[in-house]
Every structure is written in C-alpha cells, then in structure tokens.
Amino acid sequence: MTVNWHGVYPAAITHFHDDDSLDIPSTLKHLDVMIEAGVHGLIMLGSVGENAVQEPSEKREVLRQVVRHVDGRVPVLSGVAENSTRMACRFADDAAKLGVDGLMVLPAMIYKAGGREAMAHFRAVARASELPIMIYNNPIAYHVDLTPDLLAEMADEPRFVAVKESSDNVRRITDLKNLLGDRYLLFSGVDDLVLESALLGAVGWVSGLVNAFPHENRLLWDLAMAGRWDEALQVYRWYTPLLHLDTDIKLVQYIKLAVQECGLGSERTRAPRLPLEGAERDRILGIIRHGIATRPKL
C-alpha cells in the first residue's frame, strides 16, 4: 500500500494480559475502534507502543498479526527503535518482509549520538529496505536532535518522506518550511502543540491520546484542516488538559489509564513502568474523568 502521509496516525498502544504476555486480540480490537473512528494510518511499536520492553520475537509477532488483521484498510507503519544501527537495519528489513507500509525511525537507543552519527544511522536504515521513512525527532526523550540543518543534509535520501517533529519547539515547523519548503511532510508529534503545528503547516499528527479519544481527535484534526479555527480552538481547549498527559515521562501509564477509563482496554504496562498510585493516580484520573464528562458532542 502507498502511504498517504497525511492525517491522524495513532501511536498505538500494545495491550498486555495480566501475566505480562502480549494480548494480541485486545490490541487488534482497539485498532478496529480507531480505524472505525476515521484515523488515517497506524504506527505500531512506537514509544507509546512500548517498543523497548518487547522481545524481538514479540515485536515481529505484533507486526505480523496487525498487518494481517488490518488487511489494507489503512497504512501500517512500524517504529524502529533499536540499540544499534545493525539491529535497526535488521528490524527494518524484517518489518518490510512482514508487510508493513512504512517505518518511523528513531535514533539508536541509549547512546547519545552526535549529528554525523545520527545521520549515518538513519541513512543506514534507509538502505536496509525499500520502505518510506518518517524520521522521528524527539531530542527531549532521546537526546539526539535532528536540527533543520541536519535534515537539510539528509534531504538527498528519497526514502525520507516525513518528519515527526517532537522537539517541543513549534518554531521548528516554520524553520523547516523556510529552509526546505515542501521537501518533507511534517507531522506534529506533541499532542498539546497540534493546533499550532497545523496552523504553521503540519499535514499530519502522530497522536498518543487518540488511543482513548479517537472520535474527538479526528474532530479536532478535521476542523483544523478545514480552516474552521474558531471551532477547532473550542475543541482544543477542552482537549488540552488531556493532551498534556502526552508530554510527561509517564505518558504511557497516563494514556493507558485513559484508555481503560474510556472502556477501550487495560492500563497494564510492562516494568519498569508501574501502575500509578496515590495522589498522582487521583490527579490523573481527575483530568481524564473531567474530560470524559465534558467531551464535545460529535
């Protein structure tokens, strides 16, 4: 399938059973809910999908089952987040053989690469398969910053199609547009900066909270793309306290708790992530339940 690099792409969660094993049926059921709500594609095994705590065989099984189940209804992308360039290349090749439609590539994990090293990593992964690539830039989480100047140097690689911009600096959208025009399709990767990013030229949104609020997520995006900014702003103001949950180090626990409260799955995460408790849990539940109680009419 040719990837339509526009619109809402969930950073889909991975569901687990109480014994910590993969819960493939719940994962697939949840994807169906988001597809029926109108998301434009899926990204499996991203940060929110708990890529780093899955065994290599598990990650490949997730992709195998998802590709088969989705059956071309929407494009399926896979996160590529490995500790070495060699491992990332091997995984990219395996993902292509399993039938995914594209890759969202992260820097090599753990090691804080410099610019030359980071570019070499991404270029090597691009050579490992024929799949189109979304470059994931998240210097806050991964301590590697693909600046506009570095992305300009990488622009000669045709497999680099899009950039998920998660630097938490919305100025980057304009800087990239001014420097590179339409060379890359720009995706907002920070939930509580999405409306600003859309106004400045982002054509897509890799979202975490869409896992819990798929219909409202799509509503906000559609209003923005239609230029109905006053209506979009009203939805955004309702949604922003929830979207803030995407920017915390515990975003996976927060998003999965929201998914559970919305009746779409379980809050279970894999260690070292632990369930929320005490005052923190009460505070996050308060935000989620207030959002549910006041959600806009669709």
C-alpha atoms as a PDB file:
ATOM      1  CA  MET A   1       0.000   0.000   0.000  1.00  0.00           C
ATOM      2  CA  THR A   2       1.205   3.511  -0.798  1.00  0.00           C
ATOM      3  CA  VAL A   3       1.238   5.512   2.413  1.00  0.00           C
ATOM      4  CA  ASN A   4      -0.893   8.635   2.442  1.00  0.00           C
ATOM      5  CA  TRP A   5       1.345  10.753   4.621  1.00  0.00           C
ATOM      6  CA  HIS A   6      -1.427  12.996   5.925  1.00  0.00           C
ATOM      7  CA  GLY A   7      -3.871  12.993   8.814  1.00  0.00           C
ATOM      8  CA  VAL A   8      -4.100  11.335  12.212  1.00  0.00           C
ATOM      9  CA  TYR A   9      -1.764   8.399  12.875  1.00  0.00           C
ATOM     10  CA  PRO A  10      -2.154   6.863  16.341  1.00  0.00           C
ATOM     11  CA  ALA A  11       0.997   5.913  18.177  1.00  0.00           C
ATOM     12  CA  ALA A  12      -0.889   2.765  19.056  1.00  0.00           C
ATOM     13  CA  ILE A  13      -0.555   1.135  22.447  1.00  0.00           C
ATOM     14  CA  THR A  14       0.293  -2.545  22.840  1.00  0.00           C
ATOM     15  CA  HIS A  15      -2.079  -4.436  25.126  1.00  0.00           C
ATOM     16  CA  PHE A  16      -0.833  -6.999  27.662  1.00  0.00           C
ATOM     17  CA  HIS A  17      -2.504  -9.769  29.635  1.00  0.00           C
ATOM     18  CA  ASP A  18      -2.341  -9.811  33.433  1.00  0.00           C
ATOM     19  CA  ASP A  19       0.518 -12.312  33.212  1.00  0.00           C
ATOM     20  CA  ASP A  20       2.528  -9.736  31.181  1.00  0.00           C
ATOM     21  CA  SER A  21       2.205 -11.603  27.886  1.00  0.00           C
ATOM     22  CA  LEU A  22       1.105  -9.932  24.665  1.00  0.00           C
ATOM     23  CA  ASP A  23      -2.660  -9.518  24.353  1.00  0.00           C
ATOM     24  CA  ILE A  24      -2.987  -9.596  20.586  1.00  0.00           C
ATOM     25  CA  PRO A  25      -6.819  -9.881  20.471  1.00  0.00           C
ATOM     26  CA  SER A  26      -7.251  -6.737  22.590  1.00  0.00           C
ATOM     27  CA  THR A  27      -4.640  -4.901  20.543  1.00  0.00           C
ATOM     28  CA  LEU A  28      -6.446  -5.719  17.307  1.00  0.00           C
ATOM     29  CA  LYS A  29      -9.869  -4.876  18.742  1.00  0.00           C
ATOM     30  CA  HIS A  30      -8.579  -1.490  19.853  1.00  0.00           C
ATOM     31  CA  LEU A  31      -7.118  -0.798  16.407  1.00  0.00           C
ATOM     32  CA  ASP A  32     -10.539  -1.532  14.893  1.00  0.00           C
ATOM     33  CA  VAL A  33     -12.114   1.117  17.129  1.00  0.00           C
ATOM     34  CA  MET A  34      -9.628   3.730  15.944  1.00  0.00           C
ATOM     35  CA  ILE A  35      -9.955   2.741  12.291  1.00  0.00           C
ATOM     36  CA  GLU A  36     -13.733   2.984  12.526  1.00  0.00           C
ATOM     37  CA  ALA A  37     -13.332   6.460  14.047  1.00  0.00           C
ATOM     38  CA  GLY A  38     -11.512   7.518  10.905  1.00  0.00           C
ATOM     39  CA  VAL A  39      -7.785   7.560  11.654  1.00  0.00           C
ATOM     40  CA  HIS A  40      -5.691   7.747   8.514  1.00  0.00           C
ATOM     41  CA  GLY A  41      -2.993   5.230   9.449  1.00  0.00           C
ATOM     42  CA  LEU A  42      -1.427   3.332  12.339  1.00  0.00           C
ATOM     43  CA  ILE A  43       2.019   3.389  13.910  1.00  0.00           C
ATOM     44  CA  MET A  44       2.846   0.263  15.852  1.00  0.00           C
ATOM     45  CA  LEU A  45       5.783  -0.171  18.228  1.00  0.00           C
ATOM     46  CA  GLY A  46       6.468   3.475  18.894  1.00  0.00           C
ATOM     47  CA  SER A  47       7.303   4.897  22.296  1.00  0.00           C
ATOM     48  CA  VAL A  48       3.663   4.664  23.407  1.00  0.00           C
ATOM     49  CA  GLY A  49       3.561   1.130  21.996  1.00  0.00           C
ATOM     50  CA  GLU A  50       6.275   0.123  24.499  1.00  0.00           C
ATOM     51  CA  ASN A  51       8.700  -0.978  21.808  1.00  0.00           C
ATOM     52  CA  ALA A  52      11.676  -1.035  24.160  1.00  0.00           C
ATOM     53  CA  VAL A  53      10.197  -3.604  26.577  1.00  0.00           C
ATOM     54  CA  GLN A  54       9.213  -6.176  23.969  1.00  0.00           C
ATOM     55  CA  GLU A  55      11.317  -9.136  22.933  1.00  0.00           C
ATOM     56  CA  PRO A  56      12.467  -9.172  19.287  1.00  0.00           C
ATOM     57  CA  SER A  57      10.151 -12.089  18.552  1.00  0.00           C
ATOM     58  CA  GLU A  58       7.219 -10.295  20.179  1.00  0.00           C
ATOM     59  CA  LYS A  59       7.702  -7.163  18.091  1.00  0.00           C
ATOM     60  CA  ARG A  60       7.690  -9.195  14.918  1.00  0.00           C
ATOM     61  CA  GLU A  61       4.604 -11.084  16.048  1.00  0.00           C
ATOM     62  CA  VAL A  62       2.764  -7.816  16.714  1.00  0.00           C
ATOM     63  CA  LEU A  63       3.527  -6.633  13.197  1.00  0.00           C
ATOM     64  CA  ARG A  64       2.607  -9.980  11.645  1.00  0.00           C
ATOM     65  CA  GLN A  65      -0.789 -10.020  13.362  1.00  0.00           C
ATOM     66  CA  VAL A  66      -1.570  -6.342  12.793  1.00  0.00           C
ATOM     67  CA  VAL A  67      -0.739  -6.398   9.084  1.00  0.00           C
ATOM     68  CA  ARG A  68      -2.889  -9.480   8.585  1.00  0.00           C
ATOM     69  CA  HIS A  69      -5.786  -8.046  10.595  1.00  0.00           C
ATOM     70  CA  VAL A  70      -5.804  -4.539   9.157  1.00  0.00           C
ATOM     71  CA  ASP A  71      -5.668  -6.034   5.662  1.00  0.00           C
ATOM     72  CA  GLY A  72      -5.021  -2.789   3.832  1.00  0.00           C
ATOM     73  CA  ARG A  73      -7.783  -0.715   5.419  1.00  0.00           C
ATOM     74  CA  VAL A  74      -5.208   1.897   6.444  1.00  0.00           C
ATOM     75  CA  PRO A  75      -1.414   2.053   6.142  1.00  0.00           C
ATOM     76  CA  VAL A  76       0.541   0.348   8.931  1.00  0.00           C
ATOM     77  CA  LEU A  77       3.887   1.814   9.971  1.00  0.00           C
ATOM     78  CA  SER A  78       6.337   0.318  12.438  1.00  0.00           C
ATOM     79  CA  GLY A  79       8.580   2.103  14.848  1.00  0.00           C
ATOM     80  CA  VAL A  80      12.274   1.221  14.543  1.00  0.00           C
ATOM     81  CA  ALA A  81      13.929   1.732  17.931  1.00  0.00           C
ATOM     82  CA  GLU A  82      16.939  -0.474  18.493  1.00  0.00           C
ATOM     83  CA  ASN A  83      20.183  -0.121  20.428  1.00  0.00           C
ATOM     84  CA  SER A  84      22.489  -0.379  17.420  1.00  0.00           C
ATOM     85  CA  THR A  85      22.395   0.563  13.769  1.00  0.00           C
ATOM     86  CA  ARG A  86      22.887  -3.075  12.770  1.00  0.00           C
ATOM     87  CA  MET A  87      19.893  -4.153  14.851  1.00  0.00           C
ATOM     88  CA  ALA A  88      17.785  -1.302  13.425  1.00  0.00           C
ATOM     89  CA  CYS A  89      18.664  -2.325   9.866  1.00  0.00           C
ATOM     90  CA  ARG A  90      17.772  -5.947  10.569  1.00  0.00           C
ATOM     91  CA  PHE A  91      14.457  -4.923  12.086  1.00  0.00           C
ATOM     92  CA  ALA A  92      13.634  -2.604   9.160  1.00  0.00           C
ATOM     93  CA  ASP A  93      14.256  -5.458   6.737  1.00  0.00           C
ATOM     94  CA  ASP A  94      12.116  -7.841   8.790  1.00  0.00           C
ATOM     95  CA  ALA A  95       9.302  -5.284   9.050  1.00  0.00           C
ATOM     96  CA  ALA A  96       9.294  -4.907   5.272  1.00  0.00           C
ATOM     97  CA  LYS A  97       9.095  -8.689   4.836  1.00  0.00           C
ATOM     98  CA  LEU A  98       6.176  -8.781   7.271  1.00  0.00           C
ATOM     99  CA  GLY A  99       4.245  -6.386   5.045  1.00  0.00           C
ATOM    100  CA  VAL A 100       4.270  -3.029   6.815  1.00  0.00           C
ATOM    101  CA  ASP A 101       3.821   0.013   4.605  1.00  0.00           C
ATOM    102  CA  GLY A 102       6.425   2.314   6.116  1.00  0.00           C
ATOM    103  CA  LEU A 103       8.763   2.949   9.023  1.00  0.00           C
ATOM    104  CA  MET A 104       9.026   5.536  11.766  1.00  0.00           C
ATOM    105  CA  VAL A 105      12.733   5.521  12.558  1.00  0.00           C
ATOM    106  CA  LEU A 106      14.210   6.662  15.861  1.00  0.00           C
ATOM    107  CA  PRO A 107      17.864   7.275  16.700  1.00  0.00           C
ATOM    108  CA  ALA A 108      19.754   4.336  18.143  1.00  0.00           C
ATOM    109  CA  MET A 109      18.639   3.926  21.737  1.00  0.00           C
ATOM    110  CA  ILE A 110      20.805   4.642  24.815  1.00  0.00           C
ATOM    111  CA  TYR A 111      23.781   6.178  23.011  1.00  0.00           C
ATOM    112  CA  LYS A 112      23.559   9.959  22.583  1.00  0.00           C
ATOM    113  CA  ALA A 113      24.778  10.285  19.019  1.00  0.00           C
ATOM    114  CA  GLY A 114      26.238  13.424  17.511  1.00  0.00           C
ATOM    115  CA  GLY A 115      24.867  14.846  14.286  1.00  0.00           C
ATOM    116  CA  ARG A 116      27.189  12.920  11.957  1.00  0.00           C
ATOM    117  CA  GLU A 117      26.487   9.672  13.785  1.00  0.00           C
ATOM    118  CA  ALA A 118      22.737  10.237  13.814  1.00  0.00           C
ATOM    119  CA  MET A 119      22.648  10.927  10.078  1.00  0.00           C
ATOM    120  CA  ALA A 120      24.712   7.815   9.390  1.00  0.00           C
ATOM    121  CA  HIS A 121      22.274   5.743  11.450  1.00  0.00           C
ATOM    122  CA  PHE A 122      19.213   7.000   9.591  1.00  0.00           C
ATOM    123  CA  ARG A 123      20.875   6.592   6.200  1.00  0.00           C
ATOM    124  CA  ALA A 124      21.852   3.009   7.011  1.00  0.00           C
ATOM    125  CA  VAL A 125      18.275   2.139   7.984  1.00  0.00           C
ATOM    126  CA  ALA A 126      17.030   3.739   4.758  1.00  0.00           C
ATOM    127  CA  ARG A 127      19.294   1.384   2.781  1.00  0.00           C
ATOM    128  CA  ALA A 128      18.045  -1.681   4.682  1.00  0.00           C
ATOM    129  CA  SER A 129      14.643  -1.815   2.988  1.00  0.00           C
ATOM    130  CA  GLU A 130      12.666  -0.095   0.250  1.00  0.00           C
ATOM    131  CA  LEU A 131      10.078   1.282   2.668  1.00  0.00           C
ATOM    132  CA  PRO A 132       9.366   5.012   3.003  1.00  0.00           C
ATOM    133  CA  ILE A 133      10.520   6.522   6.287  1.00  0.00           C
ATOM    134  CA  MET A 134       9.167   9.005   8.781  1.00  0.00           C
ATOM    135  CA  ILE A 135      12.082  10.495  10.701  1.00  0.00           C
ATOM    136  CA  TYR A 136      11.230  10.781  14.400  1.00  0.00           C
ATOM    137  CA  ASN A 137      12.917  13.766  16.019  1.00  0.00           C
ATOM    138  CA  ASN A 138      12.468  13.826  19.788  1.00  0.00           C
ATOM    139  CA  PRO A 139      15.547  15.341  21.438  1.00  0.00           C
ATOM    140  CA  ILE A 140      13.779  15.640  24.794  1.00  0.00           C
ATOM    141  CA  ALA A 141      13.218  11.893  25.128  1.00  0.00           C
ATOM    142  CA  TYR A 142      16.146  10.527  23.139  1.00  0.00           C
ATOM    143  CA  HIS A 143      18.812  13.259  23.478  1.00  0.00           C
ATOM    144  CA  VAL A 144      19.547  13.395  19.755  1.00  0.00           C
ATOM    145  CA  ASP A 145      18.391  16.500  17.910  1.00  0.00           C
ATOM    146  CA  LEU A 146      17.922  16.371  14.153  1.00  0.00           C
ATOM    147  CA  THR A 147      18.011  20.113  13.579  1.00  0.00           C
ATOM    148  CA  PRO A 148      16.729  21.741  10.394  1.00  0.00           C
ATOM    149  CA  ASP A 149      20.316  21.966   9.134  1.00  0.00           C
ATOM    150  CA  LEU A 150      20.841  18.227   9.627  1.00  0.00           C
ATOM    151  CA  LEU A 151      17.523  17.432   7.967  1.00  0.00           C
ATOM    152  CA  ALA A 152      18.646  19.575   5.033  1.00  0.00           C
ATOM    153  CA  GLU A 153      21.774  17.430   4.724  1.00  0.00           C
ATOM    154  CA  MET A 154      19.592  14.304   4.747  1.00  0.00           C
ATOM    155  CA  ALA A 155      17.206  15.597   2.097  1.00  0.00           C
ATOM    156  CA  ASP A 156      19.022  13.797  -0.726  1.00  0.00           C
ATOM    157  CA  GLU A 157      17.763  10.399   0.519  1.00  0.00           C
ATOM    158  CA  PRO A 158      14.443   9.781  -1.293  1.00  0.00           C
ATOM    159  CA  ARG A 159      13.181   7.269   1.272  1.00  0.00           C
ATOM    160  CA  PHE A 160      12.987  10.038   3.896  1.00  0.00           C
ATOM    161  CA  VAL A 161       9.428  11.179   3.283  1.00  0.00           C
ATOM    162  CA  ALA A 162       8.211  12.767   6.502  1.00  0.00           C
ATOM    163  CA  VAL A 163       9.377  14.181   9.823  1.00  0.00           C
ATOM    164  CA  LYS A 164       7.622  13.642  13.129  1.00  0.00           C
ATOM    165  CA  GLU A 165       8.629  16.846  14.886  1.00  0.00           C
ATOM    166  CA  SER A 166       8.615  16.336  18.666  1.00  0.00           C
ATOM    167  CA  SER A 167      11.241  18.821  19.796  1.00  0.00           C
ATOM    168  CA  ASP A 168       8.586  20.700  21.823  1.00  0.00           C
ATOM    169  CA  ASN A 169       9.609  23.795  19.838  1.00  0.00           C
ATOM    170  CA  VAL A 170       6.809  24.671  17.442  1.00  0.00           C
ATOM    171  CA  ARG A 171       9.122  27.183  15.761  1.00  0.00           C
ATOM    172  CA  ARG A 172      10.731  24.199  14.049  1.00  0.00           C
ATOM    173  CA  ILE A 173       7.724  23.855  11.719  1.00  0.00           C
ATOM    174  CA  THR A 174       8.331  27.299  10.262  1.00  0.00           C
ATOM    175  CA  ASP A 175      12.108  26.880  10.250  1.00  0.00           C
ATOM    176  CA  LEU A 176      11.795  23.653   8.265  1.00  0.00           C
ATOM    177  CA  LYS A 177       9.331  25.230   5.840  1.00  0.00           C
ATOM    178  CA  ASN A 178      11.571  28.230   5.299  1.00  0.00           C
ATOM    179  CA  LEU A 179      14.672  26.093   4.796  1.00  0.00           C
ATOM    180  CA  LEU A 180      13.278  23.130   2.869  1.00  0.00           C
ATOM    181  CA  GLY A 181       9.865  24.115   1.552  1.00  0.00           C
ATOM    182  CA  ASP A 182       7.790  21.009   0.974  1.00  0.00           C
ATOM    183  CA  ARG A 183      10.698  18.545   0.861  1.00  0.00           C
ATOM    184  CA  TYR A 184       9.390  16.769   3.969  1.00  0.00           C
ATOM    185  CA  LEU A 185       5.820  16.208   5.033  1.00  0.00           C
ATOM    186  CA  LEU A 186       5.682  17.497   8.588  1.00  0.00           C
ATOM    187  CA  PHE A 187       3.817  15.720  11.370  1.00  0.00           C
ATOM    188  CA  SER A 188       3.140  17.116  14.806  1.00  0.00           C
ATOM    189  CA  GLY A 189       4.465  14.675  17.389  1.00  0.00           C
ATOM    190  CA  VAL A 190       3.479  16.607  20.523  1.00  0.00           C
ATOM    191  CA  ASP A 191      -0.213  16.326  21.312  1.00  0.00           C
ATOM    192  CA  ASP A 192      -0.593  19.670  23.062  1.00  0.00           C
ATOM    193  CA  LEU A 193       1.070  21.561  20.194  1.00  0.00           C
ATOM    194  CA  VAL A 194      -1.006  20.074  17.398  1.00  0.00           C
ATOM    195  CA  LEU A 195      -3.237  23.038  16.590  1.00  0.00           C
ATOM    196  CA  GLU A 196      -0.275  25.405  16.484  1.00  0.00           C
ATOM    197  CA  SER A 197       1.588  22.933  14.279  1.00  0.00           C
ATOM    198  CA  ALA A 198      -1.355  22.554  11.905  1.00  0.00           C
ATOM    199  CA  LEU A 199      -1.685  26.320  11.548  1.00  0.00           C
ATOM    200  CA  LEU A 200       2.009  26.546  10.658  1.00  0.00           C
ATOM    201  CA  GLY A 201       1.913  23.798   8.039  1.00  0.00           C
ATOM    202  CA  ALA A 202       1.924  20.325   9.611  1.00  0.00           C
ATOM    203  CA  VAL A 203      -0.075  17.929   7.458  1.00  0.00           C
ATOM    204  CA  GLY A 204      -0.228  15.068   9.936  1.00  0.00           C
ATOM    205  CA  TRP A 205      -0.464  14.243  13.617  1.00  0.00           C
ATOM    206  CA  VAL A 206       1.146  11.286  15.381  1.00  0.00           C
ATOM    207  CA  SER A 207      -1.023  11.228  18.486  1.00  0.00           C
ATOM    208  CA  GLY A 208      -1.000   9.394  21.804  1.00  0.00           C
ATOM    209  CA  LEU A 209      -4.372  10.454  23.252  1.00  0.00           C
ATOM    210  CA  VAL A 210      -6.178   9.280  20.130  1.00  0.00           C
ATOM    211  CA  ASN A 211      -5.913   5.833  21.733  1.00  0.00           C
ATOM    212  CA  ALA A 212      -8.521   6.958  24.271  1.00  0.00           C
ATOM    213  CA  PHE A 213     -10.427   9.655  22.360  1.00  0.00           C
ATOM    214  CA  PRO A 214     -10.373   8.663  18.679  1.00  0.00           C
ATOM    215  CA  HIS A 215     -13.564  10.455  17.616  1.00  0.00           C
ATOM    216  CA  GLU A 216     -12.691  13.725  19.323  1.00  0.00           C
ATOM    217  CA  ASN A 217      -9.166  13.512  17.979  1.00  0.00           C
ATOM    218  CA  ARG A 218     -10.437  13.181  14.433  1.00  0.00           C
ATOM    219  CA  LEU A 219     -12.925  16.031  15.012  1.00  0.00           C
ATOM    220  CA  LEU A 220     -10.161  18.406  16.063  1.00  0.00           C
ATOM    221  CA  TRP A 221      -7.994  17.468  13.091  1.00  0.00           C
ATOM    222  CA  ASP A 222     -10.828  17.780  10.584  1.00  0.00           C
ATOM    223  CA  LEU A 223     -11.810  21.221  11.878  1.00  0.00           C
ATOM    224  CA  ALA A 224      -8.204  22.396  11.628  1.00  0.00           C
ATOM    225  CA  MET A 225      -7.758  21.053   8.105  1.00  0.00           C
ATOM    226  CA  ALA A 226     -11.000  22.741   7.048  1.00  0.00           C
ATOM    227  CA  GLY A 227      -9.730  26.068   8.382  1.00  0.00           C
ATOM    228  CA  ARG A 228     -12.552  26.239  10.917  1.00  0.00           C
ATOM    229  CA  TRP A 229     -10.197  27.653  13.516  1.00  0.00           C
ATOM    230  CA  ASP A 230     -12.752  29.048  15.967  1.00  0.00           C
ATOM    231  CA  GLU A 231     -14.469  25.667  16.269  1.00  0.00           C
ATOM    232  CA  ALA A 232     -11.150  23.854  16.386  1.00  0.00           C
ATOM    233  CA  LEU A 233      -9.991  26.143  19.184  1.00  0.00           C
ATOM    234  CA  GLN A 234     -13.019  25.288  21.294  1.00  0.00           C
ATOM    235  CA  VAL A 235     -12.345  21.570  20.938  1.00  0.00           C
ATOM    236  CA  TYR A 236      -8.643  22.144  21.589  1.00  0.00           C
ATOM    237  CA  ARG A 237      -9.328  23.992  24.820  1.00  0.00           C
ATOM    238  CA  TRP A 238     -11.441  21.084  26.033  1.00  0.00           C
ATOM    239  CA  TYR A 239      -8.821  18.572  24.919  1.00  0.00           C
ATOM    240  CA  THR A 240      -5.635  20.312  26.094  1.00  0.00           C
ATOM    241  CA  PRO A 241      -5.626  19.127  29.736  1.00  0.00           C
ATOM    242  CA  LEU A 242      -5.791  15.578  28.364  1.00  0.00           C
ATOM    243  CA  LEU A 243      -3.211  16.286  25.686  1.00  0.00           C
ATOM    244  CA  HIS A 244      -0.799  17.494  28.358  1.00  0.00           C
ATOM    245  CA  LEU A 245      -0.651  13.861  29.520  1.00  0.00           C
ATOM    246  CA  ASP A 246       1.316  13.074  26.358  1.00  0.00           C
ATOM    247  CA  THR A 247       4.289  15.211  27.446  1.00  0.00           C
ATOM    248  CA  ASP A 248       5.145  13.580  30.786  1.00  0.00           C
ATOM    249  CA  ILE A 249       7.762  10.890  31.321  1.00  0.00           C
ATOM    250  CA  LYS A 250       4.869   8.649  32.412  1.00  0.00           C
ATOM    251  CA  LEU A 251       2.887   9.285  29.218  1.00  0.00           C
ATOM    252  CA  VAL A 252       2.424   5.549  28.602  1.00  0.00           C
ATOM    253  CA  GLN A 253       0.843   4.967  32.014  1.00  0.00           C
ATOM    254  CA  TYR A 254      -1.297   8.101  31.642  1.00  0.00           C
ATOM    255  CA  ILE A 255      -2.521   7.217  28.156  1.00  0.00           C
ATOM    256  CA  LYS A 256      -3.238   3.604  29.081  1.00  0.00           C
ATOM    257  CA  LEU A 257      -5.187   4.744  32.134  1.00  0.00           C
ATOM    258  CA  ALA A 258      -7.246   6.996  29.848  1.00  0.00           C
ATOM    259  CA  VAL A 259      -7.820   4.050  27.504  1.00  0.00           C
ATOM    260  CA  GLN A 260      -9.080   2.000  30.447  1.00  0.00           C
ATOM    261  CA  GLU A 261     -11.367   4.777  31.690  1.00  0.00           C
ATOM    262  CA  CYS A 262     -12.848   5.063  28.188  1.00  0.00           C
ATOM    263  CA  GLY A 263     -13.569   1.332  28.123  1.00  0.00           C
ATOM    264  CA  LEU A 264     -11.099   0.545  25.350  1.00  0.00           C
ATOM    265  CA  GLY A 265      -8.591  -1.640  27.164  1.00  0.00           C
ATOM    266  CA  SER A 266      -6.392  -2.061  30.214  1.00  0.00           C
ATOM    267  CA  GLU A 267      -3.921   0.248  31.892  1.00  0.00           C
ATOM    268  CA  ARG A 268      -1.376  -2.589  32.246  1.00  0.00           C
ATOM    269  CA  THR A 269       2.167  -1.661  31.271  1.00  0.00           C
ATOM    270  CA  ARG A 270       5.384  -3.637  31.423  1.00  0.00           C
ATOM    271  CA  ALA A 271       8.051  -2.980  34.023  1.00  0.00           C
ATOM    272  CA  PRO A 272       9.939  -0.849  34.680  1.00  0.00           C
ATOM    273  CA  ARG A 273       6.713   1.120  34.217  1.00  0.00           C
ATOM    274  CA  LEU A 274       4.446   0.532  37.220  1.00  0.00           C
ATOM    275  CA  PRO A 275       0.768   1.324  37.776  1.00  0.00           C
ATOM    276  CA  LEU A 276       0.013   4.792  39.054  1.00  0.00           C
ATOM    277  CA  GLU A 277      -0.906   5.084  42.699  1.00  0.00           C
ATOM    278  CA  GLY A 278      -1.755   7.561  45.434  1.00  0.00           C
ATOM    279  CA  ALA A 279      -2.141  11.279  44.805  1.00  0.00           C
ATOM    280  CA  GLU A 280      -0.668  11.043  41.323  1.00  0.00           C
ATOM    281  CA  ARG A 281      -3.238   8.472  40.243  1.00  0.00           C
ATOM    282  CA  ASP A 282      -6.058  10.532  41.731  1.00  0.00           C
ATOM    283  CA  ARG A 283      -4.850  13.642  39.907  1.00  0.00           C
ATOM    284  CA  ILE A 284      -4.600  11.920  36.525  1.00  0.00           C
ATOM    285  CA  LEU A 285      -7.950  10.200  36.983  1.00  0.00           C
ATOM    286  CA  GLY A 286      -9.481  13.590  37.765  1.00  0.00           C
ATOM    287  CA  ILE A 287      -8.215  15.029  34.483  1.00  0.00           C
ATOM    288  CA  ILE A 288      -9.400  12.016  32.496  1.00  0.00           C
ATOM    289  CA  ARG A 289     -12.832  11.808  34.116  1.00  0.00           C
ATOM    290  CA  HIS A 290     -13.441  15.526  33.736  1.00  0.00           C
ATOM    291  CA  GLY A 291     -12.556  15.217  30.060  1.00  0.00           C
ATOM    292  CA  ILE A 292     -14.959  12.312  29.616  1.00  0.00           C
ATOM    293  CA  ALA A 293     -17.758  14.172  31.395  1.00  0.00           C
ATOM    294  CA  THR A 294     -17.343  17.343  29.316  1.00  0.00           C
ATOM    295  CA  ARG A 295     -16.365  15.862  25.939  1.00  0.00           C
ATOM    296  CA  PRO A 296     -17.788  17.729  22.933  1.00  0.00           C
ATOM    297  CA  LYS A 297     -20.862  16.445  21.180  1.00  0.00           C
ATOM    298  CA  LEU A 298     -19.882  14.885  17.881  1.00  0.00           C
END
